[in-house]
Amino acid sequence: MPSFVKPLARPPGMHAGRDRLGCKDIAGTQPARRASGRRREEHELRHGRLQGALVLVLENEWDVAEETTGILRRAGCRVLGPAPSVASALDLLEGETPDAALLEAGLGAQMYVAVADRLQEDGVPFAFLGGRDHAAPVGYDAHRVLGTPVSAATLRAEVLALLTDPAG
C-alpha cells in the first residue's frame, strides 16, 4: 500500500469481508451528504405550509401518479388519492376537501371539468399536470400547467404557491 493512503479504521464490531446479510464490506463508504442549501430548503418546506397539507392528485398514468405522490409525501403533504379517474376524484371529494389539487390536463375524453368545477366551488386552489404540449384547458386559463415530468423542486414550489397565494 502506498504511504500516502491511510487505512480506514473499522468501527467496533465491524468485520472485514461480508456483513450478516452477505453484503461485501466496503470500509469507509458513507452515504453522500446533502448540500446545506438543500437541507435548509427541505427544512423550510417540511416545517412550512406544506407540512400536513392535503393535496388531491388526479392522474391516470400510474408512474406519474407514484412520482408525484412520492414527492408530495416527502415534502410533508398528505395525499388525497392519487385518483386515476374523474369518477374516483369526485368520490374522494365527497369525503374530504383538500387544501390544493393537481389535475392531469390531458385526460382526453374524460371530463376533468367536473373536478375542476367542484374544486372552484369549494375554493380549492389547483394547477394542471400535463405534457410539454399541454396548455391550460379552455375556461381555466388562470391556472398554471406543469409539464411532466416535473422536478421535485418545481412541484413543491407550485403546491406551496397554491397554498400561500391561491389566486395565482
N, C-alpha and C. Protein backbone atom coordinates (compact mmCIF):
# COMPACT_ATOMS: atom_id res chain seq x y z
N MET A 1 0.86 -1.17 0.00
CA MET A 1 0.00 0.00 0.00
C MET A 1 0.90 1.24 0.00
N PRO A 2 0.61 2.21 -0.87
CA PRO A 2 1.42 3.42 -0.89
C PRO A 2 1.34 4.14 0.46
N SER A 3 2.39 4.86 0.80
CA SER A 3 2.46 5.51 2.11
C SER A 3 1.45 6.64 2.27
N PHE A 4 0.95 7.22 1.17
CA PHE A 4 0.02 8.34 1.29
C PHE A 4 -1.42 7.88 1.51
N VAL A 5 -1.73 6.61 1.38
CA VAL A 5 -3.07 6.10 1.62
C VAL A 5 -3.13 5.55 3.04
N LYS A 6 -3.98 6.17 3.83
CA LYS A 6 -4.11 5.76 5.23
C LYS A 6 -5.26 4.76 5.32
N PRO A 7 -5.02 3.59 5.89
CA PRO A 7 -6.11 2.62 6.01
C PRO A 7 -7.20 3.18 6.93
N LEU A 8 -8.45 2.89 6.58
CA LEU A 8 -9.58 3.35 7.38
C LEU A 8 -9.83 2.39 8.53
N ALA A 9 -10.05 2.92 9.69
CA ALA A 9 -10.34 2.09 10.86
C ALA A 9 -11.79 1.65 10.80
N ARG A 10 -12.04 0.42 11.20
CA ARG A 10 -13.40 -0.09 11.24
C ARG A 10 -14.01 0.23 12.61
N PRO A 11 -15.29 0.54 12.62
CA PRO A 11 -15.96 0.74 13.90
C PRO A 11 -15.94 -0.58 14.69
N PRO A 12 -16.00 -0.52 16.02
CA PRO A 12 -16.00 -1.74 16.82
C PRO A 12 -17.13 -2.66 16.38
N GLY A 13 -16.83 -3.95 16.29
CA GLY A 13 -17.85 -4.92 15.91
C GLY A 13 -17.98 -5.12 14.41
N MET A 14 -17.33 -4.31 13.61
CA MET A 14 -17.40 -4.41 12.16
C MET A 14 -16.33 -5.38 11.70
N HIS A 15 -16.71 -6.35 10.92
CA HIS A 15 -15.78 -7.36 10.46
C HIS A 15 -15.45 -7.15 8.99
N ALA A 16 -14.26 -7.52 8.63
CA ALA A 16 -13.87 -7.45 7.23
C ALA A 16 -14.58 -8.55 6.47
N GLY A 17 -14.69 -8.40 5.19
CA GLY A 17 -15.33 -9.43 4.37
C GLY A 17 -16.78 -9.10 4.14
N ARG A 18 -17.68 -9.91 4.68
CA ARG A 18 -19.12 -9.72 4.44
C ARG A 18 -19.85 -9.50 5.76
N ASP A 19 -20.92 -8.69 5.70
CA ASP A 19 -21.70 -8.47 6.91
C ASP A 19 -22.72 -9.59 7.08
N ARG A 20 -23.61 -9.46 8.07
CA ARG A 20 -24.59 -10.52 8.36
C ARG A 20 -25.51 -10.80 7.18
N LEU A 21 -25.76 -9.82 6.34
CA LEU A 21 -26.64 -10.02 5.20
C LEU A 21 -25.91 -10.53 3.97
N GLY A 22 -24.60 -10.73 4.09
CA GLY A 22 -23.83 -11.23 2.97
C GLY A 22 -23.34 -10.15 2.04
N CYS A 23 -23.49 -8.90 2.44
CA CYS A 23 -23.03 -7.79 1.61
C CYS A 23 -21.54 -7.58 1.81
N LYS A 24 -20.84 -7.31 0.75
CA LYS A 24 -19.41 -7.09 0.83
C LYS A 24 -19.13 -5.80 1.60
N ASP A 25 -18.17 -5.86 2.49
CA ASP A 25 -17.80 -4.70 3.30
C ASP A 25 -16.94 -3.76 2.49
N ILE A 26 -17.38 -2.53 2.39
CA ILE A 26 -16.58 -1.50 1.73
C ILE A 26 -16.26 -0.49 2.80
N ALA A 27 -15.09 -0.62 3.39
CA ALA A 27 -14.71 0.23 4.52
C ALA A 27 -14.69 1.69 4.13
N GLY A 28 -15.23 2.50 5.00
CA GLY A 28 -15.16 3.93 4.80
C GLY A 28 -16.24 4.50 3.90
N THR A 29 -17.11 3.65 3.35
CA THR A 29 -18.15 4.14 2.47
C THR A 29 -19.28 4.72 3.31
N GLN A 30 -19.64 5.94 3.03
CA GLN A 30 -20.73 6.59 3.74
C GLN A 30 -21.66 7.21 2.72
N PRO A 31 -22.95 7.34 3.04
CA PRO A 31 -23.86 7.99 2.11
C PRO A 31 -23.43 9.43 1.86
N ALA A 32 -23.66 9.89 0.66
CA ALA A 32 -23.31 11.27 0.33
C ALA A 32 -24.15 12.22 1.18
N ARG A 33 -23.55 13.28 1.62
CA ARG A 33 -24.27 14.27 2.41
C ARG A 33 -24.91 15.29 1.48
N ARG A 34 -26.07 15.78 1.90
CA ARG A 34 -26.77 16.79 1.12
C ARG A 34 -26.10 18.14 1.30
N ALA A 35 -26.22 18.94 0.29
CA ALA A 35 -25.69 20.31 0.39
C ALA A 35 -26.51 21.07 1.42
N SER A 36 -25.89 22.00 2.12
CA SER A 36 -26.58 22.72 3.18
C SER A 36 -27.77 23.51 2.64
N GLY A 37 -27.69 24.01 1.43
CA GLY A 37 -28.81 24.75 0.85
C GLY A 37 -30.02 23.87 0.66
N ARG A 38 -29.81 22.65 0.21
CA ARG A 38 -30.93 21.74 0.01
C ARG A 38 -31.53 21.33 1.35
N ARG A 39 -30.67 21.11 2.35
CA ARG A 39 -31.17 20.77 3.68
C ARG A 39 -32.05 21.89 4.22
N ARG A 40 -31.59 23.13 4.05
CA ARG A 40 -32.35 24.28 4.53
C ARG A 40 -33.70 24.36 3.81
N GLU A 41 -33.69 24.17 2.49
CA GLU A 41 -34.93 24.22 1.71
C GLU A 41 -35.89 23.13 2.17
N GLU A 42 -35.39 21.92 2.38
CA GLU A 42 -36.25 20.84 2.83
C GLU A 42 -36.81 21.12 4.21
N HIS A 43 -35.99 21.68 5.10
CA HIS A 43 -36.45 22.03 6.44
C HIS A 43 -37.59 23.05 6.36
N GLU A 44 -37.40 24.08 5.53
CA GLU A 44 -38.43 25.10 5.39
C GLU A 44 -39.72 24.52 4.84
N LEU A 45 -39.61 23.63 3.86
CA LEU A 45 -40.80 23.03 3.28
C LEU A 45 -41.50 22.11 4.26
N ARG A 46 -40.71 21.32 4.99
CA ARG A 46 -41.30 20.39 5.94
C ARG A 46 -41.98 21.11 7.10
N HIS A 47 -41.43 22.23 7.49
CA HIS A 47 -41.96 22.93 8.64
C HIS A 47 -42.78 24.15 8.23
N GLY A 48 -42.94 24.35 6.95
CA GLY A 48 -43.74 25.46 6.44
C GLY A 48 -45.16 25.00 6.15
N ARG A 49 -45.76 25.64 5.18
CA ARG A 49 -47.15 25.38 4.84
C ARG A 49 -47.38 24.00 4.21
N LEU A 50 -46.35 23.34 3.71
CA LEU A 50 -46.56 22.02 3.11
C LEU A 50 -46.80 20.94 4.14
N GLN A 51 -46.25 21.11 5.33
CA GLN A 51 -46.39 20.09 6.36
C GLN A 51 -47.87 19.88 6.69
N GLY A 52 -48.37 18.69 6.41
CA GLY A 52 -49.74 18.34 6.74
C GLY A 52 -50.79 18.80 5.74
N ALA A 53 -50.40 19.54 4.69
CA ALA A 53 -51.38 19.99 3.70
C ALA A 53 -51.95 18.79 2.95
N LEU A 54 -53.24 18.80 2.73
CA LEU A 54 -53.92 17.73 2.00
C LEU A 54 -54.02 18.12 0.53
N VAL A 55 -53.40 17.32 -0.35
CA VAL A 55 -53.34 17.63 -1.78
C VAL A 55 -53.99 16.50 -2.57
N LEU A 56 -55.01 16.84 -3.34
CA LEU A 56 -55.64 15.88 -4.25
C LEU A 56 -54.78 15.73 -5.49
N VAL A 57 -54.54 14.50 -5.90
CA VAL A 57 -53.82 14.23 -7.14
C VAL A 57 -54.73 13.42 -8.05
N LEU A 58 -55.07 14.00 -9.22
CA LEU A 58 -55.85 13.31 -10.25
C LEU A 58 -54.90 13.05 -11.41
N GLU A 59 -54.51 11.79 -11.56
CA GLU A 59 -53.54 11.42 -12.60
C GLU A 59 -53.81 9.98 -13.00
N ASN A 60 -54.02 9.73 -14.30
CA ASN A 60 -54.35 8.37 -14.73
C ASN A 60 -53.14 7.54 -15.14
N GLU A 61 -51.97 8.13 -15.23
CA GLU A 61 -50.76 7.36 -15.53
C GLU A 61 -50.10 6.99 -14.21
N TRP A 62 -50.01 5.68 -13.97
CA TRP A 62 -49.55 5.17 -12.69
C TRP A 62 -48.17 5.70 -12.31
N ASP A 63 -47.21 5.67 -13.24
CA ASP A 63 -45.85 6.09 -12.90
C ASP A 63 -45.78 7.57 -12.54
N VAL A 64 -46.53 8.40 -13.24
CA VAL A 64 -46.56 9.83 -12.93
C VAL A 64 -47.24 10.05 -11.58
N ALA A 65 -48.32 9.32 -11.34
CA ALA A 65 -49.03 9.44 -10.06
C ALA A 65 -48.13 9.03 -8.89
N GLU A 66 -47.39 7.94 -9.05
CA GLU A 66 -46.48 7.48 -7.99
C GLU A 66 -45.38 8.49 -7.72
N GLU A 67 -44.79 9.02 -8.77
CA GLU A 67 -43.72 10.01 -8.60
C GLU A 67 -44.25 11.27 -7.92
N THR A 68 -45.39 11.75 -8.38
CA THR A 68 -45.99 12.97 -7.83
C THR A 68 -46.34 12.80 -6.36
N THR A 69 -47.01 11.70 -6.03
CA THR A 69 -47.39 11.49 -4.63
C THR A 69 -46.18 11.28 -3.74
N GLY A 70 -45.15 10.63 -4.27
CA GLY A 70 -43.92 10.44 -3.50
C GLY A 70 -43.26 11.77 -3.16
N ILE A 71 -43.18 12.65 -4.13
CA ILE A 71 -42.59 13.98 -3.90
C ILE A 71 -43.39 14.73 -2.85
N LEU A 72 -44.71 14.69 -2.97
CA LEU A 72 -45.56 15.41 -2.03
C LEU A 72 -45.43 14.84 -0.61
N ARG A 73 -45.41 13.53 -0.50
CA ARG A 73 -45.29 12.92 0.83
C ARG A 73 -43.94 13.23 1.47
N ARG A 74 -42.86 13.19 0.68
CA ARG A 74 -41.54 13.52 1.23
C ARG A 74 -41.47 14.98 1.67
N ALA A 75 -42.30 15.83 1.08
CA ALA A 75 -42.34 17.24 1.47
C ALA A 75 -43.24 17.47 2.68
N GLY A 76 -43.88 16.40 3.17
CA GLY A 76 -44.71 16.53 4.36
C GLY A 76 -46.20 16.64 4.09
N CYS A 77 -46.60 16.57 2.83
CA CYS A 77 -48.03 16.66 2.49
C CYS A 77 -48.73 15.34 2.75
N ARG A 78 -50.01 15.43 2.95
CA ARG A 78 -50.88 14.26 2.93
C ARG A 78 -51.48 14.24 1.54
N VAL A 79 -51.63 13.08 0.95
CA VAL A 79 -52.13 12.99 -0.42
C VAL A 79 -53.52 12.37 -0.43
N LEU A 80 -54.43 13.02 -1.10
CA LEU A 80 -55.77 12.50 -1.31
C LEU A 80 -55.74 11.85 -2.69
N GLY A 81 -55.76 10.54 -2.71
CA GLY A 81 -55.59 9.81 -3.96
C GLY A 81 -54.28 9.04 -3.93
N PRO A 82 -53.67 8.87 -5.07
CA PRO A 82 -53.99 9.50 -6.34
C PRO A 82 -55.24 8.89 -6.96
N ALA A 83 -56.04 9.74 -7.55
CA ALA A 83 -57.25 9.31 -8.24
C ALA A 83 -56.92 9.05 -9.71
N PRO A 84 -57.20 7.86 -10.21
CA PRO A 84 -56.88 7.55 -11.60
C PRO A 84 -57.96 8.00 -12.59
N SER A 85 -59.09 8.48 -12.08
CA SER A 85 -60.17 8.90 -12.97
C SER A 85 -60.97 10.03 -12.33
N VAL A 86 -61.76 10.67 -13.16
CA VAL A 86 -62.62 11.75 -12.68
C VAL A 86 -63.61 11.21 -11.65
N ALA A 87 -64.19 10.06 -11.93
CA ALA A 87 -65.17 9.47 -11.00
C ALA A 87 -64.55 9.21 -9.64
N SER A 88 -63.34 8.66 -9.61
CA SER A 88 -62.71 8.39 -8.31
C SER A 88 -62.32 9.68 -7.60
N ALA A 89 -61.93 10.71 -8.35
CA ALA A 89 -61.61 12.00 -7.74
C ALA A 89 -62.86 12.61 -7.11
N LEU A 90 -63.98 12.53 -7.81
CA LEU A 90 -65.23 13.06 -7.26
C LEU A 90 -65.65 12.29 -6.01
N ASP A 91 -65.43 10.97 -6.01
CA ASP A 91 -65.73 10.17 -4.81
C ASP A 91 -64.88 10.62 -3.63
N LEU A 92 -63.59 10.86 -3.89
CA LEU A 92 -62.70 11.33 -2.83
C LEU A 92 -63.14 12.68 -2.29
N LEU A 93 -63.62 13.55 -3.18
CA LEU A 93 -64.05 14.88 -2.76
C LEU A 93 -65.34 14.86 -1.95
N GLU A 94 -66.07 13.76 -2.01
CA GLU A 94 -67.28 13.62 -1.18
C GLU A 94 -66.90 13.50 0.30
N GLY A 95 -65.74 12.90 0.56
CA GLY A 95 -65.33 12.67 1.95
C GLY A 95 -64.48 13.77 2.55
N GLU A 96 -63.66 14.43 1.73
CA GLU A 96 -62.73 15.44 2.25
C GLU A 96 -62.57 16.59 1.26
N THR A 97 -62.23 17.74 1.81
CA THR A 97 -61.90 18.90 0.98
C THR A 97 -60.40 19.14 1.10
N PRO A 98 -59.68 19.02 -0.02
CA PRO A 98 -58.23 19.21 0.03
C PRO A 98 -57.86 20.68 0.18
N ASP A 99 -56.61 20.92 0.54
CA ASP A 99 -56.08 22.28 0.63
C ASP A 99 -55.65 22.79 -0.75
N ALA A 100 -55.29 21.85 -1.63
CA ALA A 100 -54.85 22.17 -3.00
C ALA A 100 -55.04 20.91 -3.84
N ALA A 101 -54.93 21.08 -5.16
CA ALA A 101 -55.10 19.92 -6.04
C ALA A 101 -54.23 20.05 -7.28
N LEU A 102 -53.83 18.89 -7.79
CA LEU A 102 -53.09 18.80 -9.04
C LEU A 102 -53.90 17.87 -9.95
N LEU A 103 -54.32 18.41 -11.10
CA LEU A 103 -55.17 17.67 -12.02
C LEU A 103 -54.47 17.44 -13.34
N GLU A 104 -54.57 16.23 -13.85
CA GLU A 104 -53.97 15.95 -15.15
C GLU A 104 -54.73 16.72 -16.23
N ALA A 105 -54.00 17.45 -17.06
CA ALA A 105 -54.61 18.27 -18.11
C ALA A 105 -54.98 17.44 -19.33
N GLY A 106 -54.32 16.34 -19.56
CA GLY A 106 -54.53 15.58 -20.78
C GLY A 106 -55.34 14.32 -20.58
N LEU A 107 -56.49 14.40 -19.96
CA LEU A 107 -57.30 13.21 -19.73
C LEU A 107 -58.09 12.79 -20.96
N GLY A 108 -57.96 13.49 -22.04
CA GLY A 108 -58.66 13.11 -23.26
C GLY A 108 -60.16 13.25 -23.11
N ALA A 109 -60.84 12.16 -23.34
CA ALA A 109 -62.30 12.18 -23.35
C ALA A 109 -62.91 12.33 -21.96
N GLN A 110 -62.14 12.08 -20.92
CA GLN A 110 -62.69 12.21 -19.57
C GLN A 110 -63.01 13.67 -19.28
N MET A 111 -64.05 13.88 -18.57
CA MET A 111 -64.49 15.25 -18.28
C MET A 111 -63.94 15.72 -16.94
N TYR A 112 -62.64 16.06 -16.92
CA TYR A 112 -62.00 16.58 -15.70
C TYR A 112 -62.65 17.87 -15.25
N VAL A 113 -63.42 18.47 -16.15
CA VAL A 113 -64.09 19.74 -15.84
C VAL A 113 -64.96 19.60 -14.59
N ALA A 114 -65.55 18.45 -14.40
CA ALA A 114 -66.40 18.25 -13.22
C ALA A 114 -65.58 18.39 -11.94
N VAL A 115 -64.36 17.90 -11.95
CA VAL A 115 -63.49 18.01 -10.77
C VAL A 115 -63.04 19.46 -10.59
N ALA A 116 -62.62 20.08 -11.68
CA ALA A 116 -62.17 21.47 -11.60
C ALA A 116 -63.30 22.39 -11.12
N ASP A 117 -64.49 22.18 -11.63
CA ASP A 117 -65.63 22.99 -11.19
C ASP A 117 -65.92 22.78 -9.72
N ARG A 118 -65.86 21.53 -9.28
CA ARG A 118 -66.11 21.21 -7.87
C ARG A 118 -65.07 21.89 -6.98
N LEU A 119 -63.80 21.85 -7.40
CA LEU A 119 -62.74 22.49 -6.62
C LEU A 119 -62.96 24.00 -6.55
N GLN A 120 -63.36 24.60 -7.66
CA GLN A 120 -63.62 26.05 -7.66
C GLN A 120 -64.78 26.39 -6.74
N GLU A 121 -65.83 25.57 -6.75
CA GLU A 121 -66.97 25.80 -5.87
C GLU A 121 -66.55 25.75 -4.40
N ASP A 122 -65.63 24.83 -4.10
CA ASP A 122 -65.16 24.66 -2.72
C ASP A 122 -64.03 25.61 -2.35
N GLY A 123 -63.58 26.43 -3.31
CA GLY A 123 -62.50 27.38 -3.05
C GLY A 123 -61.12 26.73 -2.92
N VAL A 124 -60.94 25.59 -3.57
CA VAL A 124 -59.67 24.87 -3.50
C VAL A 124 -58.79 25.28 -4.68
N PRO A 125 -57.59 25.81 -4.41
CA PRO A 125 -56.69 26.18 -5.50
C PRO A 125 -56.13 24.93 -6.18
N PHE A 126 -55.95 25.01 -7.51
CA PHE A 126 -55.41 23.86 -8.22
C PHE A 126 -54.58 24.29 -9.42
N ALA A 127 -53.76 23.35 -9.86
CA ALA A 127 -52.95 23.52 -11.06
C ALA A 127 -53.10 22.24 -11.87
N PHE A 128 -52.70 22.31 -13.13
CA PHE A 128 -52.80 21.14 -14.00
C PHE A 128 -51.43 20.52 -14.21
N LEU A 129 -51.41 19.20 -14.34
CA LEU A 129 -50.22 18.46 -14.72
C LEU A 129 -50.43 18.06 -16.18
N GLY A 130 -49.43 18.24 -17.00
CA GLY A 130 -49.58 17.84 -18.40
C GLY A 130 -48.24 17.77 -19.09
N GLY A 131 -48.24 17.20 -20.26
CA GLY A 131 -47.02 17.14 -21.04
C GLY A 131 -46.61 18.52 -21.49
N ARG A 132 -45.45 18.58 -22.12
CA ARG A 132 -44.92 19.87 -22.55
C ARG A 132 -45.84 20.61 -23.51
N ASP A 133 -46.65 19.86 -24.26
CA ASP A 133 -47.51 20.48 -25.27
C ASP A 133 -48.89 20.87 -24.75
N HIS A 134 -49.17 20.61 -23.47
CA HIS A 134 -50.48 20.95 -22.93
C HIS A 134 -50.54 22.40 -22.47
N ALA A 135 -51.65 23.01 -22.77
CA ALA A 135 -51.92 24.36 -22.27
C ALA A 135 -53.05 24.23 -21.26
N ALA A 136 -53.33 25.30 -20.56
CA ALA A 136 -54.44 25.26 -19.61
C ALA A 136 -55.72 24.98 -20.39
N PRO A 137 -56.57 24.11 -19.87
CA PRO A 137 -57.82 23.81 -20.56
C PRO A 137 -58.67 25.06 -20.73
N VAL A 138 -59.47 25.06 -21.76
CA VAL A 138 -60.34 26.20 -22.06
C VAL A 138 -61.22 26.50 -20.85
N GLY A 139 -61.25 27.75 -20.48
CA GLY A 139 -62.02 28.18 -19.33
C GLY A 139 -61.22 28.21 -18.03
N TYR A 140 -60.01 27.66 -18.07
CA TYR A 140 -59.17 27.60 -16.88
C TYR A 140 -57.81 28.24 -17.14
N ASP A 141 -57.79 29.27 -17.95
CA ASP A 141 -56.55 29.93 -18.35
C ASP A 141 -55.77 30.51 -17.17
N ALA A 142 -56.45 30.82 -16.07
CA ALA A 142 -55.78 31.41 -14.91
C ALA A 142 -54.98 30.39 -14.12
N HIS A 143 -55.17 29.11 -14.42
CA HIS A 143 -54.48 28.05 -13.69
C HIS A 143 -53.23 27.62 -14.44
N ARG A 144 -52.16 27.41 -13.68
CA ARG A 144 -50.90 27.01 -14.29
C ARG A 144 -50.93 25.55 -14.72
N VAL A 145 -50.09 25.25 -15.72
CA VAL A 145 -49.90 23.87 -16.19
C VAL A 145 -48.43 23.53 -15.98
N LEU A 146 -48.18 22.47 -15.25
CA LEU A 146 -46.82 22.00 -15.02
C LEU A 146 -46.54 20.88 -16.02
N GLY A 147 -45.51 21.05 -16.81
CA GLY A 147 -45.14 20.00 -17.76
C GLY A 147 -44.64 18.78 -17.01
N THR A 148 -44.97 17.60 -17.53
CA THR A 148 -44.47 16.37 -16.92
C THR A 148 -43.44 15.74 -17.84
N PRO A 149 -42.40 15.17 -17.33
CA PRO A 149 -42.15 15.01 -15.89
C PRO A 149 -41.77 16.34 -15.25
N VAL A 150 -42.15 16.49 -14.00
CA VAL A 150 -41.89 17.72 -13.26
C VAL A 150 -40.86 17.41 -12.17
N SER A 151 -39.95 18.34 -11.96
CA SER A 151 -38.94 18.13 -10.92
C SER A 151 -39.59 18.26 -9.54
N ALA A 152 -38.95 17.64 -8.56
CA ALA A 152 -39.45 17.71 -7.19
C ALA A 152 -39.50 19.14 -6.70
N ALA A 153 -38.46 19.92 -7.00
CA ALA A 153 -38.41 21.31 -6.54
C ALA A 153 -39.54 22.13 -7.15
N THR A 154 -39.81 21.92 -8.44
CA THR A 154 -40.88 22.67 -9.11
C THR A 154 -42.23 22.28 -8.55
N LEU A 155 -42.44 20.99 -8.32
CA LEU A 155 -43.71 20.53 -7.78
C LEU A 155 -43.95 21.08 -6.38
N ARG A 156 -42.93 21.01 -5.53
CA ARG A 156 -43.08 21.57 -4.18
C ARG A 156 -43.35 23.06 -4.22
N ALA A 157 -42.63 23.77 -5.07
CA ALA A 157 -42.82 25.22 -5.17
C ALA A 157 -44.22 25.55 -5.65
N GLU A 158 -44.74 24.78 -6.59
CA GLU A 158 -46.08 25.04 -7.11
C GLU A 158 -47.14 24.81 -6.04
N VAL A 159 -47.02 23.71 -5.32
CA VAL A 159 -48.00 23.44 -4.26
C VAL A 159 -47.90 24.49 -3.17
N LEU A 160 -46.69 24.89 -2.81
CA LEU A 160 -46.52 25.95 -1.83
C LEU A 160 -47.16 27.25 -2.31
N ALA A 161 -46.99 27.57 -3.61
CA ALA A 161 -47.62 28.77 -4.19
C ALA A 161 -49.14 28.66 -4.14
N LEU A 162 -49.67 27.48 -4.43
CA LEU A 162 -51.13 27.29 -4.36
C LEU A 162 -51.65 27.51 -2.95
N LEU A 163 -50.89 27.06 -1.97
CA LEU A 163 -51.32 27.18 -0.58
C LEU A 163 -51.18 28.59 -0.03
N THR A 164 -50.16 29.31 -0.48
CA THR A 164 -49.92 30.64 0.07
C THR A 164 -50.59 31.75 -0.73
N ASP A 165 -50.79 31.52 -2.03
CA ASP A 165 -51.40 32.53 -2.89
C ASP A 165 -52.36 31.83 -3.86
N PRO A 166 -53.52 31.38 -3.36
CA PRO A 166 -54.44 30.60 -4.17
C PRO A 166 -54.90 31.30 -5.45
N ALA A 167 -54.87 32.62 -5.47
CA ALA A 167 -55.33 33.36 -6.64
C ALA A 167 -54.30 33.27 -7.78
N GLY A 168 -53.10 32.76 -7.49
CA GLY A 168 -52.09 32.60 -8.54
C GLY A 168 -51.17 33.72 -8.53
